[in-house]
């Protein structure tokens, strides 16, 4: 029986290898799209001369990306977000700044967007694309939070969400309060371990190396802005002075070597080139996070 739970998506397949595309189709394509595989692989073969010419004509294009200061008249609004505890906890360990960056030349660390979700963002942003609107859309830590469902079974807590951004946010030990005692399973409890499940903070952020700027979070909002004709957006810039030590080994499965060392990696602007992209129906998925509780007791000498 065909899976009818599908969404429309867009993929920059022109920069894919045959093996990469085959794995992508297996993981993401809805069953109803499988009969397009021969056509897609043939299109991939036919587009390669165009890709090669593009790489030659636009060699090191990503290295010329524009970075500008946001006009000072918006400093008070920026301070509202900078001073938000959620913002500071997320970016405090890093050397960061807020700046306007050119959308088209951002290195794209992913090759797929959920087109339906992008269209919703585009509809929401229409008529609200001034600088104040963009600062709020791109930098506010606030975001819509998809509902999270919980199931407990055999000592395992299972959380699901329609958002792929759901994640485990850490655990800590806390002293018990009187309100906590009603949840204790007998005995004389003296401490509790609390685990957090939720979402990452919302600001669009990028990783800036000495040569390139790689989009790190907020891809769908960046796509929506570009679709609305916006050329520059305010983002949190994480300055990476030593890529070998500070830059992630992989982002969304793409290796650091490709993102930083390729003379012409996939860029955000490529998502708007019909020769390089394909639309398809993808399987609708739920994100699952499992927290398993195991306890053991030992008597050891001291």
C-alpha atoms as a PDB file:
ATOM      1  CA  UNK A   1       0.000   0.000   0.000  1.00  0.00           C
ATOM      2  CA  UNK A   2       1.366   3.414  -0.967  1.00  0.00           C
ATOM      3  CA  UNK A   3       2.275   5.869   1.765  1.00  0.00           C
ATOM      4  CA  UNK A   4      -0.157   8.770   1.382  1.00  0.00           C
ATOM      5  CA  UNK A   5       1.525  10.911   4.057  1.00  0.00           C
ATOM      6  CA  UNK A   6       3.668  13.074   1.790  1.00  0.00           C
ATOM      7  CA  UNK A   7       4.963  16.626   1.511  1.00  0.00           C
ATOM      8  CA  UNK A   8       6.392  18.599  -1.396  1.00  0.00           C
ATOM      9  CA  UNK A   9      10.152  19.121  -1.302  1.00  0.00           C
ATOM     10  CA  UNK A  10      12.951  20.613  -3.388  1.00  0.00           C
ATOM     11  CA  UNK A  11      16.418  19.120  -3.879  1.00  0.00           C
ATOM     12  CA  UNK A  12      19.568  20.579  -5.472  1.00  0.00           C
ATOM     13  CA  UNK A  13      20.412  17.288  -7.127  1.00  0.00           C
ATOM     14  CA  UNK A  14      22.769  18.794  -9.715  1.00  0.00           C
ATOM     15  CA  UNK A  15      25.611  18.709  -7.172  1.00  0.00           C
ATOM     16  CA  UNK A  16      25.008  15.070  -6.191  1.00  0.00           C
ATOM     17  CA  UNK A  17      26.873  11.916  -7.137  1.00  0.00           C
ATOM     18  CA  UNK A  18      24.941   8.887  -8.395  1.00  0.00           C
ATOM     19  CA  UNK A  19      25.487   7.037  -5.106  1.00  0.00           C
ATOM     20  CA  UNK A  20      24.474  10.048  -3.041  1.00  0.00           C
ATOM     21  CA  UNK A  21      21.320  10.541  -5.102  1.00  0.00           C
ATOM     22  CA  UNK A  22      20.406   6.854  -4.879  1.00  0.00           C
ATOM     23  CA  UNK A  23      20.695   6.948  -1.084  1.00  0.00           C
ATOM     24  CA  UNK A  24      18.697  10.155  -0.965  1.00  0.00           C
ATOM     25  CA  UNK A  25      15.868   8.684  -3.050  1.00  0.00           C
ATOM     26  CA  UNK A  26      15.708   5.602  -0.838  1.00  0.00           C
ATOM     27  CA  UNK A  27      15.561   7.668   2.347  1.00  0.00           C
ATOM     28  CA  UNK A  28      13.244  10.502   1.344  1.00  0.00           C
ATOM     29  CA  UNK A  29      11.162   9.741  -1.760  1.00  0.00           C
ATOM     30  CA  UNK A  30       7.522   8.781  -1.367  1.00  0.00           C
ATOM     31  CA  UNK A  31       6.685   5.426  -2.945  1.00  0.00           C
ATOM     32  CA  UNK A  32       4.638   7.170  -5.624  1.00  0.00           C
ATOM     33  CA  UNK A  33       7.837   8.845  -6.891  1.00  0.00           C
ATOM     34  CA  UNK A  34       9.915   5.687  -7.361  1.00  0.00           C
ATOM     35  CA  UNK A  35       8.986   5.330 -11.027  1.00  0.00           C
ATOM     36  CA  UNK A  36      10.810   8.636 -11.716  1.00  0.00           C
ATOM     37  CA  UNK A  37      14.222   7.252 -10.803  1.00  0.00           C
ATOM     38  CA  UNK A  38      15.433   6.492 -14.340  1.00  0.00           C
ATOM     39  CA  UNK A  39      14.396   9.954 -15.503  1.00  0.00           C
ATOM     40  CA  UNK A  40      16.116  11.624 -12.531  1.00  0.00           C
ATOM     41  CA  UNK A  41      19.409   9.810 -13.051  1.00  0.00           C
ATOM     42  CA  UNK A  42      19.316  10.636 -16.755  1.00  0.00           C
ATOM     43  CA  UNK A  43      18.707  14.309 -15.917  1.00  0.00           C
ATOM     44  CA  UNK A  44      21.620  14.208 -13.485  1.00  0.00           C
ATOM     45  CA  UNK A  45      23.868  12.936 -16.288  1.00  0.00           C
ATOM     46  CA  UNK A  46      22.637  15.573 -18.737  1.00  0.00           C
ATOM     47  CA  UNK A  47      23.094  18.488 -16.321  1.00  0.00           C
ATOM     48  CA  UNK A  48      26.733  17.726 -15.511  1.00  0.00           C
ATOM     49  CA  UNK A  49      28.256  19.845 -18.335  1.00  0.00           C
ATOM     50  CA  UNK A  50      26.212  22.791 -17.012  1.00  0.00           C
ATOM     51  CA  UNK A  51      27.419  22.132 -13.449  1.00  0.00           C
ATOM     52  CA  UNK A  52      31.034  21.889 -14.590  1.00  0.00           C
ATOM     53  CA  UNK A  53      30.780  25.159 -16.504  1.00  0.00           C
ATOM     54  CA  UNK A  54      29.118  26.804 -13.513  1.00  0.00           C
ATOM     55  CA  UNK A  55      31.947  25.650 -11.257  1.00  0.00           C
ATOM     56  CA  UNK A  56      34.501  27.085 -13.686  1.00  0.00           C
ATOM     57  CA  UNK A  57      32.698  30.404 -14.204  1.00  0.00           C
ATOM     58  CA  UNK A  58      31.958  30.883 -10.495  1.00  0.00           C
ATOM     59  CA  UNK A  59      35.137  29.528  -8.971  1.00  0.00           C
ATOM     60  CA  UNK A  60      35.653  31.077  -5.524  1.00  0.00           C
ATOM     61  CA  UNK A  61      32.352  32.987  -5.815  1.00  0.00           C
ATOM     62  CA  UNK A  62      31.544  32.040  -2.208  1.00  0.00           C
ATOM     63  CA  UNK A  63      34.710  33.846  -1.101  1.00  0.00           C
ATOM     64  CA  UNK A  64      33.287  37.188  -2.276  1.00  0.00           C
ATOM     65  CA  UNK A  65      30.207  37.179  -0.027  1.00  0.00           C
ATOM     66  CA  UNK A  66      29.178  40.580   1.317  1.00  0.00           C
ATOM     67  CA  UNK A  67      29.037  41.175   5.083  1.00  0.00           C
ATOM     68  CA  UNK A  68      27.753  44.519   6.386  1.00  0.00           C
ATOM     69  CA  UNK A  69      26.973  46.128   9.708  1.00  0.00           C
ATOM     70  CA  UNK A  70      23.324  46.577  10.589  1.00  0.00           C
ATOM     71  CA  UNK A  71      22.468  50.300  10.770  1.00  0.00           C
ATOM     72  CA  UNK A  72      22.937  51.703  14.282  1.00  0.00           C
ATOM     73  CA  UNK A  73      19.311  52.822  14.520  1.00  0.00           C
ATOM     74  CA  UNK A  74      18.376  49.162  15.096  1.00  0.00           C
ATOM     75  CA  UNK A  75      20.776  48.636  18.009  1.00  0.00           C
ATOM     76  CA  UNK A  76      18.070  48.817  20.696  1.00  0.00           C
ATOM     77  CA  UNK A  77      16.063  46.124  18.940  1.00  0.00           C
ATOM     78  CA  UNK A  78      19.160  43.971  18.509  1.00  0.00           C
ATOM     79  CA  UNK A  79      19.970  44.379  22.211  1.00  0.00           C
ATOM     80  CA  UNK A  80      16.566  42.942  23.103  1.00  0.00           C
ATOM     81  CA  UNK A  81      17.570  39.691  21.432  1.00  0.00           C
ATOM     82  CA  UNK A  82      21.227  39.752  22.514  1.00  0.00           C
ATOM     83  CA  UNK A  83      20.155  40.075  26.157  1.00  0.00           C
ATOM     84  CA  UNK A  84      17.635  37.246  26.013  1.00  0.00           C
ATOM     85  CA  UNK A  85      18.961  34.430  28.280  1.00  0.00           C
ATOM     86  CA  UNK A  86      18.185  31.826  25.619  1.00  0.00           C
ATOM     87  CA  UNK A  87      20.282  33.748  23.105  1.00  0.00           C
ATOM     88  CA  UNK A  88      23.229  34.241  25.438  1.00  0.00           C
ATOM     89  CA  UNK A  89      23.264  30.608  26.628  1.00  0.00           C
ATOM     90  CA  UNK A  90      23.379  29.382  23.035  1.00  0.00           C
ATOM     91  CA  UNK A  91      26.015  31.726  21.620  1.00  0.00           C
ATOM     92  CA  UNK A  92      28.015  32.827  24.681  1.00  0.00           C
ATOM     93  CA  UNK A  93      30.853  30.286  24.200  1.00  0.00           C
ATOM     94  CA  UNK A  94      31.462  31.551  20.663  1.00  0.00           C
ATOM     95  CA  UNK A  95      32.973  34.661  19.108  1.00  0.00           C
ATOM     96  CA  UNK A  96      29.832  36.124  17.569  1.00  0.00           C
ATOM     97  CA  UNK A  97      28.459  39.264  15.994  1.00  0.00           C
ATOM     98  CA  UNK A  98      25.208  40.216  14.279  1.00  0.00           C
ATOM     99  CA  UNK A  99      25.566  41.329  10.671  1.00  0.00           C
ATOM    100  CA  UNK A 100      23.863  41.538   7.283  1.00  0.00           C
ATOM    101  CA  UNK A 101      25.033  38.807   4.932  1.00  0.00           C
ATOM    102  CA  UNK A 102      24.404  38.216   1.256  1.00  0.00           C
ATOM    103  CA  UNK A 103      22.016  35.291   0.782  1.00  0.00           C
ATOM    104  CA  UNK A 104      23.075  34.011  -2.641  1.00  0.00           C
ATOM    105  CA  UNK A 105      26.706  33.283  -1.724  1.00  0.00           C
ATOM    106  CA  UNK A 106      26.050  31.442   1.526  1.00  0.00           C
ATOM    107  CA  UNK A 107      27.391  27.885   1.326  1.00  0.00           C
ATOM    108  CA  UNK A 108      24.444  25.480   1.535  1.00  0.00           C
ATOM    109  CA  UNK A 109      25.126  22.614   3.978  1.00  0.00           C
ATOM    110  CA  UNK A 110      21.969  20.784   2.931  1.00  0.00           C
ATOM    111  CA  UNK A 111      20.496  19.896  -0.431  1.00  0.00           C
ATOM    112  CA  UNK A 112      16.804  19.653   0.418  1.00  0.00           C
ATOM    113  CA  UNK A 113      14.091  21.955   1.705  1.00  0.00           C
ATOM    114  CA  UNK A 114      10.509  21.187   2.659  1.00  0.00           C
ATOM    115  CA  UNK A 115       8.771  23.240  -0.006  1.00  0.00           C
ATOM    116  CA  UNK A 116       5.393  23.196   1.745  1.00  0.00           C
ATOM    117  CA  UNK A 117       6.934  24.608   4.920  1.00  0.00           C
ATOM    118  CA  UNK A 118       8.833  27.220   2.903  1.00  0.00           C
ATOM    119  CA  UNK A 119       5.621  28.284   1.203  1.00  0.00           C
ATOM    120  CA  UNK A 120       3.959  28.797   4.592  1.00  0.00           C
ATOM    121  CA  UNK A 121       6.886  30.985   5.682  1.00  0.00           C
ATOM    122  CA  UNK A 122       6.680  32.960   2.425  1.00  0.00           C
ATOM    123  CA  UNK A 123       2.954  33.554   2.935  1.00  0.00           C
ATOM    124  CA  UNK A 124       3.524  34.647   6.544  1.00  0.00           C
ATOM    125  CA  UNK A 125       6.302  37.092   5.557  1.00  0.00           C
ATOM    126  CA  UNK A 126       4.550  38.762   2.617  1.00  0.00           C
ATOM    127  CA  UNK A 127       4.168  42.481   3.310  1.00  0.00           C
ATOM    128  CA  UNK A 128       6.505  42.291   6.316  1.00  0.00           C
ATOM    129  CA  UNK A 129      10.006  42.454   4.854  1.00  0.00           C
ATOM    130  CA  UNK A 130      11.353  45.712   6.287  1.00  0.00           C
ATOM    131  CA  UNK A 131      14.522  45.627   8.374  1.00  0.00           C
ATOM    132  CA  UNK A 132      12.612  45.443  11.679  1.00  0.00           C
ATOM    133  CA  UNK A 133      10.545  42.572  10.298  1.00  0.00           C
ATOM    134  CA  UNK A 134      13.656  40.733   9.115  1.00  0.00           C
ATOM    135  CA  UNK A 135      15.428  41.224  12.445  1.00  0.00           C
ATOM    136  CA  UNK A 136      12.463  39.688  14.243  1.00  0.00           C
ATOM    137  CA  UNK A 137      12.061  36.834  11.745  1.00  0.00           C
ATOM    138  CA  UNK A 138      15.761  35.965  11.622  1.00  0.00           C
ATOM    139  CA  UNK A 139      17.035  36.755  15.136  1.00  0.00           C
ATOM    140  CA  UNK A 140      14.236  36.306  17.664  1.00  0.00           C
ATOM    141  CA  UNK A 141      14.773  33.286  19.959  1.00  0.00           C
ATOM    142  CA  UNK A 142      10.999  32.802  20.005  1.00  0.00           C
ATOM    143  CA  UNK A 143       9.462  30.323  17.619  1.00  0.00           C
ATOM    144  CA  UNK A 144       6.349  28.267  17.058  1.00  0.00           C
ATOM    145  CA  UNK A 145       6.756  25.025  18.980  1.00  0.00           C
ATOM    146  CA  UNK A 146       5.199  21.930  17.464  1.00  0.00           C
ATOM    147  CA  UNK A 147       3.421  19.762  20.041  1.00  0.00           C
ATOM    148  CA  UNK A 148       5.523  16.929  21.480  1.00  0.00           C
ATOM    149  CA  UNK A 149       3.938  13.563  22.263  1.00  0.00           C
ATOM    150  CA  UNK A 150       5.267  11.319  25.043  1.00  0.00           C
ATOM    151  CA  UNK A 151       5.120   7.571  25.595  1.00  0.00           C
ATOM    152  CA  UNK A 152       6.712   5.688  28.491  1.00  0.00           C
ATOM    153  CA  UNK A 153       7.401   1.985  28.162  1.00  0.00           C
ATOM    154  CA  UNK A 154       9.766  -0.353  30.019  1.00  0.00           C
ATOM    155  CA  UNK A 155      11.892   2.427  31.478  1.00  0.00           C
ATOM    156  CA  UNK A 156      12.163   4.267  28.167  1.00  0.00           C
ATOM    157  CA  UNK A 157      10.651   7.694  27.503  1.00  0.00           C
ATOM    158  CA  UNK A 158       9.827   8.195  23.828  1.00  0.00           C
ATOM    159  CA  UNK A 159       9.146  11.701  22.499  1.00  0.00           C
ATOM    160  CA  UNK A 160       7.880  12.452  18.985  1.00  0.00           C
ATOM    161  CA  UNK A 161       7.337  15.671  17.069  1.00  0.00           C
ATOM    162  CA  UNK A 162       6.575  16.646  13.458  1.00  0.00           C
ATOM    163  CA  UNK A 163       9.545  19.027  13.715  1.00  0.00           C
ATOM    164  CA  UNK A 164      12.968  17.635  12.828  1.00  0.00           C
ATOM    165  CA  UNK A 165      14.470  20.206  15.227  1.00  0.00           C
ATOM    166  CA  UNK A 166      13.289  18.406  18.371  1.00  0.00           C
ATOM    167  CA  UNK A 167      16.296  17.367  20.430  1.00  0.00           C
ATOM    168  CA  UNK A 168      17.633  16.268  23.812  1.00  0.00           C
ATOM    169  CA  UNK A 169      18.701  19.382  25.760  1.00  0.00           C
ATOM    170  CA  UNK A 170      20.643  17.833  28.621  1.00  0.00           C
ATOM    171  CA  UNK A 171      20.119  16.593  32.177  1.00  0.00           C
ATOM    172  CA  UNK A 172      21.015  17.800  35.654  1.00  0.00           C
ATOM    173  CA  UNK A 173      20.634  16.791  39.306  1.00  0.00           C
ATOM    174  CA  UNK A 174      18.361  18.950  41.459  1.00  0.00           C
ATOM    175  CA  UNK A 175      17.446  19.081  45.124  1.00  0.00           C
ATOM    176  CA  UNK A 176      13.933  17.901  45.771  1.00  0.00           C
ATOM    177  CA  UNK A 177      11.098  20.225  46.702  1.00  0.00           C
ATOM    178  CA  UNK A 178       7.867  19.280  48.440  1.00  0.00           C
ATOM    179  CA  UNK A 179       6.018  19.403  45.104  1.00  0.00           C
ATOM    180  CA  UNK A 180       8.397  16.766  43.696  1.00  0.00           C
ATOM    181  CA  UNK A 181       7.567  14.187  46.354  1.00  0.00           C
ATOM    182  CA  UNK A 182       4.245  13.188  44.807  1.00  0.00           C
ATOM    183  CA  UNK A 183       6.127  11.760  41.804  1.00  0.00           C
ATOM    184  CA  UNK A 184       8.490   9.597  43.863  1.00  0.00           C
ATOM    185  CA  UNK A 185       8.018   5.854  43.519  1.00  0.00           C
ATOM    186  CA  UNK A 186       8.386   5.024  47.202  1.00  0.00           C
ATOM    187  CA  UNK A 187      11.356   5.109  49.517  1.00  0.00           C
ATOM    188  CA  UNK A 188      12.930   8.287  50.875  1.00  0.00           C
ATOM    189  CA  UNK A 189      14.062  10.284  47.811  1.00  0.00           C
ATOM    190  CA  UNK A 190      16.709  12.954  48.324  1.00  0.00           C
ATOM    191  CA  UNK A 191      17.582  14.034  44.764  1.00  0.00           C
ATOM    192  CA  UNK A 192      16.128  14.017  41.261  1.00  0.00           C
ATOM    193  CA  UNK A 193      17.571  13.896  37.767  1.00  0.00           C
ATOM    194  CA  UNK A 194      15.758  16.099  35.262  1.00  0.00           C
ATOM    195  CA  UNK A 195      16.136  15.725  31.498  1.00  0.00           C
ATOM    196  CA  UNK A 196      15.031  18.332  28.978  1.00  0.00           C
ATOM    197  CA  UNK A 197      13.470  17.713  25.566  1.00  0.00           C
ATOM    198  CA  UNK A 198      12.680  20.631  23.291  1.00  0.00           C
ATOM    199  CA  UNK A 199      13.897  22.707  20.376  1.00  0.00           C
ATOM    200  CA  UNK A 200      16.944  24.770  19.511  1.00  0.00           C
ATOM    201  CA  UNK A 201      16.787  28.548  19.675  1.00  0.00           C
ATOM    202  CA  UNK A 202      15.534  30.134  16.486  1.00  0.00           C
ATOM    203  CA  UNK A 203      18.097  32.775  15.341  1.00  0.00           C
ATOM    204  CA  UNK A 204      19.491  32.201  11.871  1.00  0.00           C
ATOM    205  CA  UNK A 205      23.220  31.684  12.317  1.00  0.00           C
ATOM    206  CA  UNK A 206      26.214  31.136  10.066  1.00  0.00           C
ATOM    207  CA  UNK A 207      29.784  29.933  10.471  1.00  0.00           C
ATOM    208  CA  UNK A 208      32.281  32.442   9.097  1.00  0.00           C
ATOM    209  CA  UNK A 209      35.750  31.159   8.189  1.00  0.00           C
ATOM    210  CA  UNK A 210      38.570  33.200   6.629  1.00  0.00           C
ATOM    211  CA  UNK A 211      37.259  32.318   3.144  1.00  0.00           C
ATOM    212  CA  UNK A 212      33.603  31.206   3.259  1.00  0.00           C
ATOM    213  CA  UNK A 213      30.395  31.642   5.216  1.00  0.00           C
ATOM    214  CA  UNK A 214      28.375  28.460   5.785  1.00  0.00           C
ATOM    215  CA  UNK A 215      24.707  28.577   6.723  1.00  0.00           C
ATOM    216  CA  UNK A 216      24.289  26.647   9.981  1.00  0.00           C
ATOM    217  CA  UNK A 217      20.675  27.135  11.075  1.00  0.00           C
ATOM    218  CA  UNK A 218      17.511  28.638   9.623  1.00  0.00           C
ATOM    219  CA  UNK A 219      17.694  27.277   6.079  1.00  0.00           C
ATOM    220  CA  UNK A 220      13.954  27.433   5.396  1.00  0.00           C
ATOM    221  CA  UNK A 221      13.681  31.070   6.510  1.00  0.00           C
ATOM    222  CA  UNK A 222      16.656  31.965   4.337  1.00  0.00           C
ATOM    223  CA  UNK A 223      14.974  30.233   1.392  1.00  0.00           C
ATOM    224  CA  UNK A 224      11.734  32.125   2.074  1.00  0.00           C
ATOM    225  CA  UNK A 225      13.556  35.466   2.218  1.00  0.00           C
ATOM    226  CA  UNK A 226      15.317  34.778  -1.080  1.00  0.00           C
ATOM    227  CA  UNK A 227      12.020  33.723  -2.683  1.00  0.00           C
ATOM    228  CA  UNK A 228      10.577  37.109  -1.671  1.00  0.00           C
ATOM    229  CA  UNK A 229      13.423  38.920  -3.464  1.00  0.00           C
ATOM    230  CA  UNK A 230      15.404  39.793  -0.337  1.00  0.00           C
ATOM    231  CA  UNK A 231      19.147  39.950  -1.035  1.00  0.00           C
ATOM    232  CA  UNK A 232      20.599  40.382   2.478  1.00  0.00           C
ATOM    233  CA  UNK A 233      19.438  39.187   5.890  1.00  0.00           C
ATOM    234  CA  UNK A 234      20.496  39.813   9.507  1.00  0.00           C
ATOM    235  CA  UNK A 235      22.122  36.737  11.057  1.00  0.00           C
ATOM    236  CA  UNK A 236      24.225  35.689  14.015  1.00  0.00           C
ATOM    237  CA  UNK A 237      27.767  35.270  12.695  1.00  0.00           C
ATOM    238  CA  UNK A 238      29.951  32.771  14.534  1.00  0.00           C
ATOM    239  CA  UNK A 239      33.523  33.667  13.650  1.00  0.00           C
ATOM    240  CA  UNK A 240      35.698  30.586  13.161  1.00  0.00           C
ATOM    241  CA  UNK A 241      39.390  31.483  13.251  1.00  0.00           C
ATOM    242  CA  UNK A 242      40.706  27.904  13.185  1.00  0.00           C
ATOM    243  CA  UNK A 243      38.440  25.708  11.030  1.00  0.00           C
ATOM    244  CA  UNK A 244      40.351  22.507  11.822  1.00  0.00           C
ATOM    245  CA  UNK A 245      39.540  22.873  15.522  1.00  0.00           C
ATOM    246  CA  UNK A 246      36.332  24.909  15.607  1.00  0.00           C
ATOM    247  CA  UNK A 247      34.351  23.896  12.506  1.00  0.00           C
ATOM    248  CA  UNK A 248      32.147  20.768  12.748  1.00  0.00           C
ATOM    249  CA  UNK A 249      33.433  17.702  10.912  1.00  0.00           C
ATOM    250  CA  UNK A 250      30.050  17.378   9.184  1.00  0.00           C
ATOM    251  CA  UNK A 251      26.934  19.504   8.800  1.00  0.00           C
ATOM    252  CA  UNK A 252      23.845  17.607   7.675  1.00  0.00           C
ATOM    253  CA  UNK A 253      26.065  14.850   6.335  1.00  0.00           C
ATOM    254  CA  UNK A 254      28.271  17.115   4.216  1.00  0.00           C
ATOM    255  CA  UNK A 255      31.954  16.969   5.220  1.00  0.00           C
ATOM    256  CA  UNK A 256      33.906  20.011   6.344  1.00  0.00           C
ATOM    257  CA  UNK A 257      36.412  19.486   3.522  1.00  0.00           C
ATOM    258  CA  UNK A 258      33.697  19.904   0.890  1.00  0.00           C
ATOM    259  CA  UNK A 259      32.014  22.890   2.535  1.00  0.00           C
ATOM    260  CA  UNK A 260      35.249  24.827   3.078  1.00  0.00           C
ATOM    261  CA  UNK A 261      37.693  23.626   0.434  1.00  0.00           C
ATOM    262  CA  UNK A 262      35.575  23.177  -2.674  1.00  0.00           C
ATOM    263  CA  UNK A 263      36.137  26.165  -5.027  1.00  0.00           C
ATOM    264  CA  UNK A 264      32.425  26.116  -5.901  1.00  0.00           C
ATOM    265  CA  UNK A 265      30.280  24.238  -3.364  1.00  0.00           C
ATOM    266  CA  UNK A 266      26.497  24.286  -3.558  1.00  0.00           C
ATOM    267  CA  UNK A 267      25.203  27.763  -2.640  1.00  0.00           C
ATOM    268  CA  UNK A 268      21.806  29.019  -1.512  1.00  0.00           C
ATOM    269  CA  UNK A 269      21.255  30.622  -4.924  1.00  0.00           C
ATOM    270  CA  UNK A 270      21.387  27.161  -6.534  1.00  0.00           C
ATOM    271  CA  UNK A 271      18.002  26.338  -4.983  1.00  0.00           C
ATOM    272  CA  UNK A 272      16.514  28.875  -7.406  1.00  0.00           C
ATOM    273  CA  UNK A 273      18.123  27.459 -10.556  1.00  0.00           C
ATOM    274  CA  UNK A 274      15.610  25.110 -12.234  1.00  0.00           C
ATOM    275  CA  UNK A 275      18.423  23.327 -14.087  1.00  0.00           C
ATOM    276  CA  UNK A 276      19.952  22.224 -10.789  1.00  0.00           C
ATOM    277  CA  UNK A 277      16.826  21.374  -8.799  1.00  0.00           C
ATOM    278  CA  UNK A 278      13.992  18.898  -8.784  1.00  0.00           C
ATOM    279  CA  UNK A 279      10.678  18.949  -6.981  1.00  0.00           C
ATOM    280  CA  UNK A 280       9.393  15.696  -5.532  1.00  0.00           C
ATOM    281  CA  UNK A 281       7.053  14.258  -2.956  1.00  0.00           C
ATOM    282  CA  UNK A 282       8.822  13.091   0.171  1.00  0.00           C
ATOM    283  CA  UNK A 283       7.737  10.849   3.004  1.00  0.00           C
ATOM    284  CA  UNK A 284       6.317  12.785   5.917  1.00  0.00           C
ATOM    285  CA  UNK A 285       8.312  11.916   9.017  1.00  0.00           C
ATOM    286  CA  UNK A 286       8.176  12.288  12.771  1.00  0.00           C
ATOM    287  CA  UNK A 287      11.292  13.043  14.805  1.00  0.00           C
ATOM    288  CA  UNK A 288      11.796  10.640  17.698  1.00  0.00           C
ATOM    289  CA  UNK A 289      14.005  11.102  20.766  1.00  0.00           C
ATOM    290  CA  UNK A 290      14.386   8.277  23.287  1.00  0.00           C
ATOM    291  CA  UNK A 291      15.547   8.699  26.873  1.00  0.00           C
ATOM    292  CA  UNK A 292      16.315   5.411  28.576  1.00  0.00           C
ATOM    293  CA  UNK A 293      16.691   5.118  32.354  1.00  0.00           C
ATOM    294  CA  UNK A 294      19.008   2.405  33.667  1.00  0.00           C
ATOM    295  CA  UNK A 295      20.040   2.048  37.283  1.00  0.00           C
ATOM    296  CA  UNK A 296      22.544  -0.255  38.973  1.00  0.00           C
ATOM    297  CA  UNK A 297      23.857  -0.506  42.523  1.00  0.00           C
ATOM    298  CA  UNK A 298      27.251  -1.774  43.673  1.00  0.00           C
ATOM    299  CA  UNK A 299      28.974  -2.084  47.026  1.00  0.00           C
ATOM    300  CA  UNK A 300      32.609  -0.975  46.628  1.00  0.00           C
ATOM    301  CA  UNK A 301      35.397  -0.644  49.213  1.00  0.00           C
ATOM    302  CA  UNK A 302      36.620   2.777  50.256  1.00  0.00           C
END
